[in-house]
Amino acid sequence: MVDFDRSLRTLVKDLSDTMVEANGVGLAAPQLGVSLRVFTYLTNPEDDDEPPRVAHIVNPEMVEVDQEEVEDMEGCLSVPGFSYPLRRSRRVVARGMDQHGEPVEVTGADRLARCLLHETDHLDGVIFLDRLDPQTRRRAMSEIRERMLAGEDIQVKSSPHRPLF
């Protein structure tokens, strides 16, 4: 259960700031260790002509998921520096609330759809590596293990704000 109070607004700002600082297109609360169903995202991840606009959604649910899928490279701030081909629905519609408890509906196509699905996965305890086909997943896990053994720090960038919970 989410309380639509100042701490939620602080969390949304924290998620937004952390996502932008890390050059991400989405960031879910669990990635910062907060067990709430909240994420931020760029509303225009494919528009190079317009400055990015950050939005958020609380308690999202996918109400439409297109059967048509497309394959594209996908990465994650939880495992920075890695990206792999992954099939996702071309178009989705998500419903939830904003930080004030007002209803929101987001329709996403292509990269925005991918982002909405990716971040909702985080809220369900799933990361994109879990969705890779078996051969690609084995390769990904091997590459991640190699870089970790080489001493690389593979984790989401630390939040610029103090922990909320």
C-alpha atoms as a PDB file:
ATOM      1  CA  MET A   1       0.000   0.000   0.000  1.00  0.00           C
ATOM      2  CA  VAL A   2       1.341   3.407  -0.977  1.00  0.00           C
ATOM      3  CA  ASP A   3       0.690   6.560   1.009  1.00  0.00           C
ATOM      4  CA  PHE A   4       0.395   9.548  -1.304  1.00  0.00           C
ATOM      5  CA  ASP A   5       2.395  11.840   0.959  1.00  0.00           C
ATOM      6  CA  ARG A   6       5.602  13.814   1.062  1.00  0.00           C
ATOM      7  CA  SER A   7       7.776  10.695   1.332  1.00  0.00           C
ATOM      8  CA  LEU A   8       6.323   9.395  -1.955  1.00  0.00           C
ATOM      9  CA  ARG A   9       6.986  12.733  -3.644  1.00  0.00           C
ATOM     10  CA  THR A  10      10.555  12.618  -2.296  1.00  0.00           C
ATOM     11  CA  LEU A  11      10.956   9.085  -3.649  1.00  0.00           C
ATOM     12  CA  VAL A  12       9.703  10.151  -7.095  1.00  0.00           C
ATOM     13  CA  LYS A  13      12.207  13.021  -7.125  1.00  0.00           C
ATOM     14  CA  ASP A  14      14.968  10.668  -5.977  1.00  0.00           C
ATOM     15  CA  LEU A  15      14.136   8.157  -8.713  1.00  0.00           C
ATOM     16  CA  SER A  16      14.000  10.931 -11.322  1.00  0.00           C
ATOM     17  CA  ASP A  17      17.308  12.493 -10.256  1.00  0.00           C
ATOM     18  CA  THR A  18      19.073   9.135 -10.054  1.00  0.00           C
ATOM     19  CA  MET A  19      17.746   8.035 -13.447  1.00  0.00           C
ATOM     20  CA  VAL A  20      18.787  11.277 -15.158  1.00  0.00           C
ATOM     21  CA  GLU A  21      22.214  11.287 -13.467  1.00  0.00           C
ATOM     22  CA  ALA A  22      22.801   7.709 -14.680  1.00  0.00           C
ATOM     23  CA  ASN A  23      21.600   8.550 -18.226  1.00  0.00           C
ATOM     24  CA  GLY A  24      18.806   6.006 -17.896  1.00  0.00           C
ATOM     25  CA  VAL A  25      15.386   5.925 -19.517  1.00  0.00           C
ATOM     26  CA  GLY A  26      13.618   4.327 -16.538  1.00  0.00           C
ATOM     27  CA  LEU A  27      14.222   3.468 -12.891  1.00  0.00           C
ATOM     28  CA  ALA A  28      12.079   1.476 -10.468  1.00  0.00           C
ATOM     29  CA  ALA A  29      11.950   1.929  -6.694  1.00  0.00           C
ATOM     30  CA  PRO A  30      13.220  -1.635  -5.995  1.00  0.00           C
ATOM     31  CA  GLN A  31      16.429  -0.762  -7.862  1.00  0.00           C
ATOM     32  CA  LEU A  32      17.152   1.688  -5.038  1.00  0.00           C
ATOM     33  CA  GLY A  33      16.101  -0.770  -2.354  1.00  0.00           C
ATOM     34  CA  VAL A  34      12.593   0.618  -1.856  1.00  0.00           C
ATOM     35  CA  SER A  35       9.806  -1.967  -1.918  1.00  0.00           C
ATOM     36  CA  LEU A  36       7.106   0.171  -3.499  1.00  0.00           C
ATOM     37  CA  ARG A  37       5.457  -0.156  -6.905  1.00  0.00           C
ATOM     38  CA  VAL A  38       6.754   3.119  -8.334  1.00  0.00           C
ATOM     39  CA  PHE A  39       8.949   3.949 -11.290  1.00  0.00           C
ATOM     40  CA  THR A  40      10.104   6.920 -13.321  1.00  0.00           C
ATOM     41  CA  TYR A  41      10.676   6.967 -17.072  1.00  0.00           C
ATOM     42  CA  LEU A  42      11.408   9.244 -20.003  1.00  0.00           C
ATOM     43  CA  THR A  43       8.240  10.020 -21.911  1.00  0.00           C
ATOM     44  CA  ASN A  44      10.137  10.510 -25.162  1.00  0.00           C
ATOM     45  CA  PRO A  45      13.081   8.082 -25.220  1.00  0.00           C
ATOM     46  CA  GLU A  46      13.272   8.177 -29.047  1.00  0.00           C
ATOM     47  CA  ASP A  47      13.003  11.945 -29.604  1.00  0.00           C
ATOM     48  CA  ASP A  48      16.439  13.494 -30.037  1.00  0.00           C
ATOM     49  CA  ASP A  49      14.960  16.876 -31.010  1.00  0.00           C
ATOM     50  CA  GLU A  50      13.054  17.441 -27.773  1.00  0.00           C
ATOM     51  CA  PRO A  51      14.597  17.577 -24.295  1.00  0.00           C
ATOM     52  CA  PRO A  52      13.786  14.504 -22.226  1.00  0.00           C
ATOM     53  CA  ARG A  53      10.738  14.754 -19.971  1.00  0.00           C
ATOM     54  CA  VAL A  54      10.604  12.594 -16.868  1.00  0.00           C
ATOM     55  CA  ALA A  55       7.315  11.094 -15.699  1.00  0.00           C
ATOM     56  CA  HIS A  56       6.374   8.520 -13.099  1.00  0.00           C
ATOM     57  CA  ILE A  57       3.681   5.985 -12.335  1.00  0.00           C
ATOM     58  CA  VAL A  58       2.581   4.486  -9.019  1.00  0.00           C
ATOM     59  CA  ASN A  59       0.982   1.020  -8.786  1.00  0.00           C
ATOM     60  CA  PRO A  60       1.064   0.436 -12.546  1.00  0.00           C
ATOM     61  CA  GLU A  61      -0.792  -2.349 -14.254  1.00  0.00           C
ATOM     62  CA  MET A  62      -0.613  -3.289 -17.898  1.00  0.00           C
ATOM     63  CA  VAL A  63      -4.142  -3.087 -19.272  1.00  0.00           C
ATOM     64  CA  GLU A  64      -3.196  -3.717 -22.916  1.00  0.00           C
ATOM     65  CA  VAL A  65      -0.196  -5.601 -24.262  1.00  0.00           C
ATOM     66  CA  ASP A  66       0.087  -5.867 -28.028  1.00  0.00           C
ATOM     67  CA  GLN A  67       0.687  -9.369 -29.381  1.00  0.00           C
ATOM     68  CA  GLU A  68       3.081  -7.978 -32.001  1.00  0.00           C
ATOM     69  CA  GLU A  69       6.628  -8.137 -30.688  1.00  0.00           C
ATOM     70  CA  VAL A  70       9.863  -6.546 -31.826  1.00  0.00           C
ATOM     71  CA  GLU A  71      13.425  -7.428 -30.970  1.00  0.00           C
ATOM     72  CA  ASP A  72      15.774  -4.680 -29.867  1.00  0.00           C
ATOM     73  CA  MET A  73      18.801  -4.280 -27.659  1.00  0.00           C
ATOM     74  CA  GLU A  74      17.941  -3.824 -23.997  1.00  0.00           C
ATOM     75  CA  GLY A  75      20.078  -2.914 -21.013  1.00  0.00           C
ATOM     76  CA  CYS A  76      19.520  -1.998 -17.397  1.00  0.00           C
ATOM     77  CA  LEU A  77      20.931   0.355 -14.781  1.00  0.00           C
ATOM     78  CA  SER A  78      21.046  -2.653 -12.435  1.00  0.00           C
ATOM     79  CA  VAL A  79      23.727  -4.211 -14.650  1.00  0.00           C
ATOM     80  CA  PRO A  80      25.284  -1.192 -16.401  1.00  0.00           C
ATOM     81  CA  GLY A  81      27.319  -1.654 -19.540  1.00  0.00           C
ATOM     82  CA  PHE A  82      25.506  -4.757 -20.759  1.00  0.00           C
ATOM     83  CA  SER A  83      22.817  -4.970 -23.419  1.00  0.00           C
ATOM     84  CA  TYR A  84      21.310  -7.915 -25.227  1.00  0.00           C
ATOM     85  CA  PRO A  85      18.614  -8.534 -27.836  1.00  0.00           C
ATOM     86  CA  LEU A  86      15.189  -9.088 -26.312  1.00  0.00           C
ATOM     87  CA  ARG A  87      11.715  -9.418 -27.786  1.00  0.00           C
ATOM     88  CA  ARG A  88       9.028  -7.208 -26.236  1.00  0.00           C
ATOM     89  CA  SER A  89       5.549  -6.090 -27.215  1.00  0.00           C
ATOM     90  CA  ARG A  90       5.486  -3.209 -29.681  1.00  0.00           C
ATOM     91  CA  ARG A  91       2.683  -1.334 -27.884  1.00  0.00           C
ATOM     92  CA  VAL A  92       1.291  -1.297 -24.333  1.00  0.00           C
ATOM     93  CA  VAL A  93      -1.118   0.674 -22.204  1.00  0.00           C
ATOM     94  CA  ALA A  94      -0.405   1.073 -18.495  1.00  0.00           C
ATOM     95  CA  ARG A  95      -2.705   2.490 -15.837  1.00  0.00           C
ATOM     96  CA  GLY A  96      -1.771   3.684 -12.401  1.00  0.00           C
ATOM     97  CA  MET A  97      -1.617   6.856 -10.367  1.00  0.00           C
ATOM     98  CA  ASP A  98       0.620   9.851 -10.069  1.00  0.00           C
ATOM     99  CA  GLN A  99       2.372  10.905  -6.871  1.00  0.00           C
ATOM    100  CA  HIS A 100      -0.758  12.773  -5.756  1.00  0.00           C
ATOM    101  CA  GLY A 101      -3.087   9.787  -6.186  1.00  0.00           C
ATOM    102  CA  GLU A 102      -4.593  10.986  -9.464  1.00  0.00           C
ATOM    103  CA  PRO A 103      -5.231   8.359 -12.165  1.00  0.00           C
ATOM    104  CA  VAL A 104      -2.861   8.206 -15.130  1.00  0.00           C
ATOM    105  CA  GLU A 105      -2.848   6.172 -18.305  1.00  0.00           C
ATOM    106  CA  VAL A 106       0.249   5.835 -20.459  1.00  0.00           C
ATOM    107  CA  THR A 107       0.263   4.476 -23.992  1.00  0.00           C
ATOM    108  CA  GLY A 108       3.698   3.476 -25.166  1.00  0.00           C
ATOM    109  CA  ALA A 109       4.963   2.233 -28.495  1.00  0.00           C
ATOM    110  CA  ASP A 110       8.357   0.873 -29.450  1.00  0.00           C
ATOM    111  CA  ARG A 111      10.990   2.111 -26.951  1.00  0.00           C
ATOM    112  CA  LEU A 112       8.475   3.604 -24.531  1.00  0.00           C
ATOM    113  CA  ALA A 113       6.547   0.323 -24.509  1.00  0.00           C
ATOM    114  CA  ARG A 114       9.812  -1.528 -23.860  1.00  0.00           C
ATOM    115  CA  CYS A 115      10.629   0.841 -20.997  1.00  0.00           C
ATOM    116  CA  LEU A 116       7.188   0.499 -19.382  1.00  0.00           C
ATOM    117  CA  LEU A 117       7.400  -3.307 -19.549  1.00  0.00           C
ATOM    118  CA  HIS A 118      11.003  -3.332 -18.302  1.00  0.00           C
ATOM    119  CA  GLU A 119      10.252  -1.143 -15.271  1.00  0.00           C
ATOM    120  CA  THR A 120       7.051  -3.022 -14.431  1.00  0.00           C
ATOM    121  CA  ASP A 121       9.143  -6.199 -14.505  1.00  0.00           C
ATOM    122  CA  HIS A 122      11.378  -4.686 -11.803  1.00  0.00           C
ATOM    123  CA  LEU A 123       8.310  -4.136  -9.638  1.00  0.00           C
ATOM    124  CA  ASP A 124       7.522  -7.841 -10.055  1.00  0.00           C
ATOM    125  CA  GLY A 125      11.063  -8.954  -9.154  1.00  0.00           C
ATOM    126  CA  VAL A 126      12.123  -9.668 -12.738  1.00  0.00           C
ATOM    127  CA  ILE A 127      15.142  -8.218 -14.545  1.00  0.00           C
ATOM    128  CA  PHE A 128      15.623  -8.242 -18.292  1.00  0.00           C
ATOM    129  CA  LEU A 129      18.254 -10.985 -18.031  1.00  0.00           C
ATOM    130  CA  ASP A 130      15.476 -13.313 -16.822  1.00  0.00           C
ATOM    131  CA  ARG A 131      13.620 -12.782 -20.112  1.00  0.00           C
ATOM    132  CA  LEU A 132      16.514 -13.549 -22.477  1.00  0.00           C
ATOM    133  CA  ASP A 133      16.408 -16.704 -24.546  1.00  0.00           C
ATOM    134  CA  PRO A 134      18.459 -19.492 -22.884  1.00  0.00           C
ATOM    135  CA  GLN A 135      21.516 -19.192 -25.132  1.00  0.00           C
ATOM    136  CA  THR A 136      21.723 -15.400 -24.817  1.00  0.00           C
ATOM    137  CA  ARG A 137      21.160 -15.635 -21.056  1.00  0.00           C
ATOM    138  CA  ARG A 138      24.082 -18.078 -20.664  1.00  0.00           C
ATOM    139  CA  ARG A 139      26.315 -15.726 -22.655  1.00  0.00           C
ATOM    140  CA  ALA A 140      25.141 -12.705 -20.623  1.00  0.00           C
ATOM    141  CA  MET A 141      25.742 -14.410 -17.283  1.00  0.00           C
ATOM    142  CA  SER A 142      29.199 -15.500 -18.415  1.00  0.00           C
ATOM    143  CA  GLU A 143      30.110 -11.960 -19.537  1.00  0.00           C
ATOM    144  CA  ILE A 144      28.828 -10.445 -16.287  1.00  0.00           C
ATOM    145  CA  ARG A 145      30.720 -13.019 -14.213  1.00  0.00           C
ATOM    146  CA  GLU A 146      33.949 -12.337 -16.155  1.00  0.00           C
ATOM    147  CA  ARG A 147      33.727  -8.592 -15.574  1.00  0.00           C
ATOM    148  CA  MET A 148      32.913  -9.053 -11.885  1.00  0.00           C
ATOM    149  CA  LEU A 149      35.908 -11.394 -11.481  1.00  0.00           C
ATOM    150  CA  ALA A 150      38.028  -8.752 -13.194  1.00  0.00           C
ATOM    151  CA  GLY A 151      37.067  -6.385 -10.360  1.00  0.00           C
ATOM    152  CA  GLU A 152      34.466  -4.231 -12.080  1.00  0.00           C
ATOM    153  CA  ASP A 153      31.745  -2.750  -9.904  1.00  0.00           C
ATOM    154  CA  ILE A 154      28.533  -3.842 -11.595  1.00  0.00           C
ATOM    155  CA  GLN A 155      25.624  -2.178  -9.816  1.00  0.00           C
ATOM    156  CA  VAL A 156      23.156   0.652 -10.157  1.00  0.00           C
ATOM    157  CA  LYS A 157      24.608   4.058  -9.432  1.00  0.00           C
ATOM    158  CA  SER A 158      24.056   5.176  -5.845  1.00  0.00           C
ATOM    159  CA  SER A 159      21.171   7.482  -5.144  1.00  0.00           C
ATOM    160  CA  PRO A 160      22.120  11.127  -4.545  1.00  0.00           C
ATOM    161  CA  HIS A 161      19.561  11.262  -1.703  1.00  0.00           C
ATOM    162  CA  ARG A 162      19.542   9.665   1.703  1.00  0.00           C
ATOM    163  CA  PRO A 163      17.493   6.450   2.051  1.00  0.00           C
ATOM    164  CA  LEU A 164      13.794   7.025   2.729  1.00  0.00           C
ATOM    165  CA  PHE A 165      12.817   3.714   4.289  1.00  0.00           C
END
